[in-house]
């Protein structure tokens, strides 16, 4: 809506996405909308995790479509080391929202000891993850 105010109240939005060679769109959610992804060129490995922690994943080829249900954690990965992939994402909301899981967990003020216990690791590992995201 910020880039195109006419979307306000229309319950729809789109995004053109470029995935450089070897890149990942890190695990994230859209709390206010499902996402329909249409792959225009290249290949993408995509997937989402349902509420029972089951993964639904697929390798998309040019012309394929994939749906990410509203609010579920999902990702896209361009495993091709040489070529970009391009896609169009359609949302059933003018403001689908994006919650980046890595940033929401590791770039917040959640204490390191709580994160270490939550991930069954040590504080040093949590600090290394945080440093890698900075």
C-alpha atoms as a PDB file:
ATOM      1  CA  UNK A   1       0.000   0.000   0.000  1.00  0.00           C
ATOM      2  CA  UNK A   2       2.889   2.377   0.666  1.00  0.00           C
ATOM      3  CA  UNK A   3       4.068   2.160  -2.959  1.00  0.00           C
ATOM      4  CA  UNK A   4       0.580   2.040  -4.512  1.00  0.00           C
ATOM      5  CA  UNK A   5      -2.096   3.620  -2.250  1.00  0.00           C
ATOM      6  CA  UNK A   6      -4.915   2.650  -4.657  1.00  0.00           C
ATOM      7  CA  UNK A   7      -4.614  -0.873  -3.208  1.00  0.00           C
ATOM      8  CA  UNK A   8      -6.108   0.306   0.086  1.00  0.00           C
ATOM      9  CA  UNK A   9      -9.373  -1.566   0.604  1.00  0.00           C
ATOM     10  CA  UNK A  10      -8.984  -3.718  -2.514  1.00  0.00           C
ATOM     11  CA  UNK A  11      -7.937  -6.964  -0.740  1.00  0.00           C
ATOM     12  CA  UNK A  12      -5.291  -7.746  -3.324  1.00  0.00           C
ATOM     13  CA  UNK A  13      -1.616  -7.033  -3.954  1.00  0.00           C
ATOM     14  CA  UNK A  14       1.206  -8.342  -6.116  1.00  0.00           C
ATOM     15  CA  UNK A  15       4.975  -8.407  -5.986  1.00  0.00           C
ATOM     16  CA  UNK A  16       7.573  -9.134  -8.663  1.00  0.00           C
ATOM     17  CA  UNK A  17      10.385 -11.146  -7.093  1.00  0.00           C
ATOM     18  CA  UNK A  18      13.936 -11.689  -8.320  1.00  0.00           C
ATOM     19  CA  UNK A  19      15.925 -14.556  -6.807  1.00  0.00           C
ATOM     20  CA  UNK A  20      19.618 -14.166  -7.639  1.00  0.00           C
ATOM     21  CA  UNK A  21      21.589 -17.356  -8.296  1.00  0.00           C
ATOM     22  CA  UNK A  22      22.033 -19.352  -5.094  1.00  0.00           C
ATOM     23  CA  UNK A  23      19.820 -17.063  -3.014  1.00  0.00           C
ATOM     24  CA  UNK A  24      17.128 -17.830  -0.472  1.00  0.00           C
ATOM     25  CA  UNK A  25      14.077 -15.903   0.640  1.00  0.00           C
ATOM     26  CA  UNK A  26      14.470 -16.812   4.327  1.00  0.00           C
ATOM     27  CA  UNK A  27      11.703 -18.567   6.231  1.00  0.00           C
ATOM     28  CA  UNK A  28       8.857 -16.146   6.834  1.00  0.00           C
ATOM     29  CA  UNK A  29       5.088 -15.864   7.170  1.00  0.00           C
ATOM     30  CA  UNK A  30       2.344 -13.569   5.913  1.00  0.00           C
ATOM     31  CA  UNK A  31      -0.065 -13.169   8.847  1.00  0.00           C
ATOM     32  CA  UNK A  32      -2.889 -11.561   6.850  1.00  0.00           C
ATOM     33  CA  UNK A  33      -2.907 -13.459   3.551  1.00  0.00           C
ATOM     34  CA  UNK A  34      -2.199 -16.597   1.598  1.00  0.00           C
ATOM     35  CA  UNK A  35       0.355 -16.242  -1.195  1.00  0.00           C
ATOM     36  CA  UNK A  36       0.072 -17.549  -4.740  1.00  0.00           C
ATOM     37  CA  UNK A  37       3.491 -17.705  -6.403  1.00  0.00           C
ATOM     38  CA  UNK A  38       3.798 -17.977 -10.208  1.00  0.00           C
ATOM     39  CA  UNK A  39       7.314 -18.765 -11.465  1.00  0.00           C
ATOM     40  CA  UNK A  40       8.010 -16.735 -14.614  1.00  0.00           C
ATOM     41  CA  UNK A  41      11.541 -18.033 -15.253  1.00  0.00           C
ATOM     42  CA  UNK A  42      14.141 -20.293 -13.713  1.00  0.00           C
ATOM     43  CA  UNK A  43      13.655 -22.915 -11.039  1.00  0.00           C
ATOM     44  CA  UNK A  44      12.852 -22.571  -7.339  1.00  0.00           C
ATOM     45  CA  UNK A  45      12.724 -24.953  -4.432  1.00  0.00           C
ATOM     46  CA  UNK A  46       9.742 -23.906  -2.316  1.00  0.00           C
ATOM     47  CA  UNK A  47       7.996 -25.221   0.734  1.00  0.00           C
ATOM     48  CA  UNK A  48       5.862 -24.551   3.779  1.00  0.00           C
ATOM     49  CA  UNK A  49       5.376 -26.189   7.150  1.00  0.00           C
ATOM     50  CA  UNK A  50       1.819 -26.976   8.257  1.00  0.00           C
ATOM     51  CA  UNK A  51       0.514 -26.841  11.825  1.00  0.00           C
ATOM     52  CA  UNK A  52       1.568 -30.474  12.430  1.00  0.00           C
ATOM     53  CA  UNK A  53       5.174 -29.640  11.371  1.00  0.00           C
ATOM     54  CA  UNK A  54       4.788 -31.524   8.085  1.00  0.00           C
ATOM     55  CA  UNK A  55       6.697 -30.013   5.173  1.00  0.00           C
ATOM     56  CA  UNK A  56       5.099 -29.555   1.774  1.00  0.00           C
ATOM     57  CA  UNK A  57       7.834 -28.791  -0.742  1.00  0.00           C
ATOM     58  CA  UNK A  58       8.332 -28.852  -4.466  1.00  0.00           C
ATOM     59  CA  UNK A  59      10.814 -27.802  -7.121  1.00  0.00           C
ATOM     60  CA  UNK A  60       9.079 -25.348  -9.423  1.00  0.00           C
ATOM     61  CA  UNK A  61       9.865 -24.971 -13.114  1.00  0.00           C
ATOM     62  CA  UNK A  62       8.988 -22.008 -15.320  1.00  0.00           C
ATOM     63  CA  UNK A  63       5.190 -21.679 -15.518  1.00  0.00           C
ATOM     64  CA  UNK A  64       4.473 -23.547 -12.259  1.00  0.00           C
ATOM     65  CA  UNK A  65       2.287 -22.170  -9.462  1.00  0.00           C
ATOM     66  CA  UNK A  66       2.497 -22.830  -5.708  1.00  0.00           C
ATOM     67  CA  UNK A  67       0.243 -21.707  -2.846  1.00  0.00           C
ATOM     68  CA  UNK A  68       1.510 -20.818   0.612  1.00  0.00           C
ATOM     69  CA  UNK A  69      -1.372 -20.873   3.124  1.00  0.00           C
ATOM     70  CA  UNK A  70      -2.041 -17.815   5.256  1.00  0.00           C
ATOM     71  CA  UNK A  71       0.172 -17.557   8.318  1.00  0.00           C
ATOM     72  CA  UNK A  72       2.297 -20.666   7.691  1.00  0.00           C
ATOM     73  CA  UNK A  73       6.104 -20.569   7.693  1.00  0.00           C
ATOM     74  CA  UNK A  74       7.480 -20.885   4.168  1.00  0.00           C
ATOM     75  CA  UNK A  75      10.542 -20.250   1.992  1.00  0.00           C
ATOM     76  CA  UNK A  76      11.845 -20.051  -1.562  1.00  0.00           C
ATOM     77  CA  UNK A  77      15.354 -21.087  -2.625  1.00  0.00           C
ATOM     78  CA  UNK A  78      17.067 -20.675  -5.985  1.00  0.00           C
ATOM     79  CA  UNK A  79      19.496 -23.610  -6.016  1.00  0.00           C
ATOM     80  CA  UNK A  80      20.779 -22.685  -9.485  1.00  0.00           C
ATOM     81  CA  UNK A  81      24.332 -21.377  -9.016  1.00  0.00           C
ATOM     82  CA  UNK A  82      24.339 -19.482 -12.337  1.00  0.00           C
ATOM     83  CA  UNK A  83      20.852 -18.170 -13.200  1.00  0.00           C
ATOM     84  CA  UNK A  84      18.297 -15.851 -11.619  1.00  0.00           C
ATOM     85  CA  UNK A  85      14.709 -16.899 -11.108  1.00  0.00           C
ATOM     86  CA  UNK A  86      11.766 -14.489 -11.453  1.00  0.00           C
ATOM     87  CA  UNK A  87       8.308 -14.861  -9.955  1.00  0.00           C
ATOM     88  CA  UNK A  88       5.068 -13.006  -9.315  1.00  0.00           C
ATOM     89  CA  UNK A  89       3.472 -13.318  -5.898  1.00  0.00           C
ATOM     90  CA  UNK A  90      -0.216 -12.523  -5.479  1.00  0.00           C
ATOM     91  CA  UNK A  91      -1.739 -11.872  -2.073  1.00  0.00           C
ATOM     92  CA  UNK A  92      -5.367 -11.797  -0.982  1.00  0.00           C
ATOM     93  CA  UNK A  93      -4.721  -8.631   1.002  1.00  0.00           C
ATOM     94  CA  UNK A  94      -3.507  -5.134   0.264  1.00  0.00           C
ATOM     95  CA  UNK A  95      -1.294  -5.527   3.337  1.00  0.00           C
ATOM     96  CA  UNK A  96      -0.313  -9.197   3.711  1.00  0.00           C
ATOM     97  CA  UNK A  97       2.509  -8.390   6.128  1.00  0.00           C
ATOM     98  CA  UNK A  98       5.788 -10.280   6.287  1.00  0.00           C
ATOM     99  CA  UNK A  99       7.271 -11.738   9.435  1.00  0.00           C
ATOM    100  CA  UNK A 100      10.871 -12.906   8.952  1.00  0.00           C
ATOM    101  CA  UNK A 101      11.425 -15.844  11.299  1.00  0.00           C
ATOM    102  CA  UNK A 102      15.215 -15.391  11.670  1.00  0.00           C
ATOM    103  CA  UNK A 103      14.877 -11.660  12.377  1.00  0.00           C
ATOM    104  CA  UNK A 104      11.881 -12.107  14.668  1.00  0.00           C
ATOM    105  CA  UNK A 105      13.772 -14.648  16.747  1.00  0.00           C
ATOM    106  CA  UNK A 106      17.409 -13.525  16.656  1.00  0.00           C
ATOM    107  CA  UNK A 107      17.269  -9.744  16.091  1.00  0.00           C
ATOM    108  CA  UNK A 108      15.058  -8.996  19.071  1.00  0.00           C
ATOM    109  CA  UNK A 109      15.690  -8.507  22.752  1.00  0.00           C
ATOM    110  CA  UNK A 110      14.851 -12.101  23.691  1.00  0.00           C
ATOM    111  CA  UNK A 111      17.633 -12.993  26.144  1.00  0.00           C
ATOM    112  CA  UNK A 112      20.337 -15.317  24.799  1.00  0.00           C
ATOM    113  CA  UNK A 113      19.792 -17.830  27.600  1.00  0.00           C
ATOM    114  CA  UNK A 114      16.088 -18.133  26.682  1.00  0.00           C
ATOM    115  CA  UNK A 115      16.971 -18.674  23.017  1.00  0.00           C
ATOM    116  CA  UNK A 116      19.647 -21.221  23.944  1.00  0.00           C
ATOM    117  CA  UNK A 117      17.166 -23.210  26.027  1.00  0.00           C
ATOM    118  CA  UNK A 118      14.468 -22.900  23.355  1.00  0.00           C
ATOM    119  CA  UNK A 119      16.769 -24.265  20.645  1.00  0.00           C
ATOM    120  CA  UNK A 120      18.486 -26.774  22.969  1.00  0.00           C
ATOM    121  CA  UNK A 121      21.910 -25.276  22.356  1.00  0.00           C
ATOM    122  CA  UNK A 122      24.348 -22.983  24.126  1.00  0.00           C
ATOM    123  CA  UNK A 123      24.627 -19.211  24.381  1.00  0.00           C
ATOM    124  CA  UNK A 124      27.776 -19.144  22.210  1.00  0.00           C
ATOM    125  CA  UNK A 125      25.870 -20.753  19.310  1.00  0.00           C
ATOM    126  CA  UNK A 126      23.036 -18.219  19.699  1.00  0.00           C
ATOM    127  CA  UNK A 127      25.555 -15.371  19.625  1.00  0.00           C
ATOM    128  CA  UNK A 128      27.155 -16.792  16.456  1.00  0.00           C
ATOM    129  CA  UNK A 129      23.741 -16.958  14.783  1.00  0.00           C
ATOM    130  CA  UNK A 130      22.991 -13.382  15.816  1.00  0.00           C
ATOM    131  CA  UNK A 131      26.367 -12.200  14.490  1.00  0.00           C
ATOM    132  CA  UNK A 132      25.679 -13.923  11.171  1.00  0.00           C
ATOM    133  CA  UNK A 133      22.371 -12.072  10.811  1.00  0.00           C
ATOM    134  CA  UNK A 134      23.773  -8.643  11.693  1.00  0.00           C
END
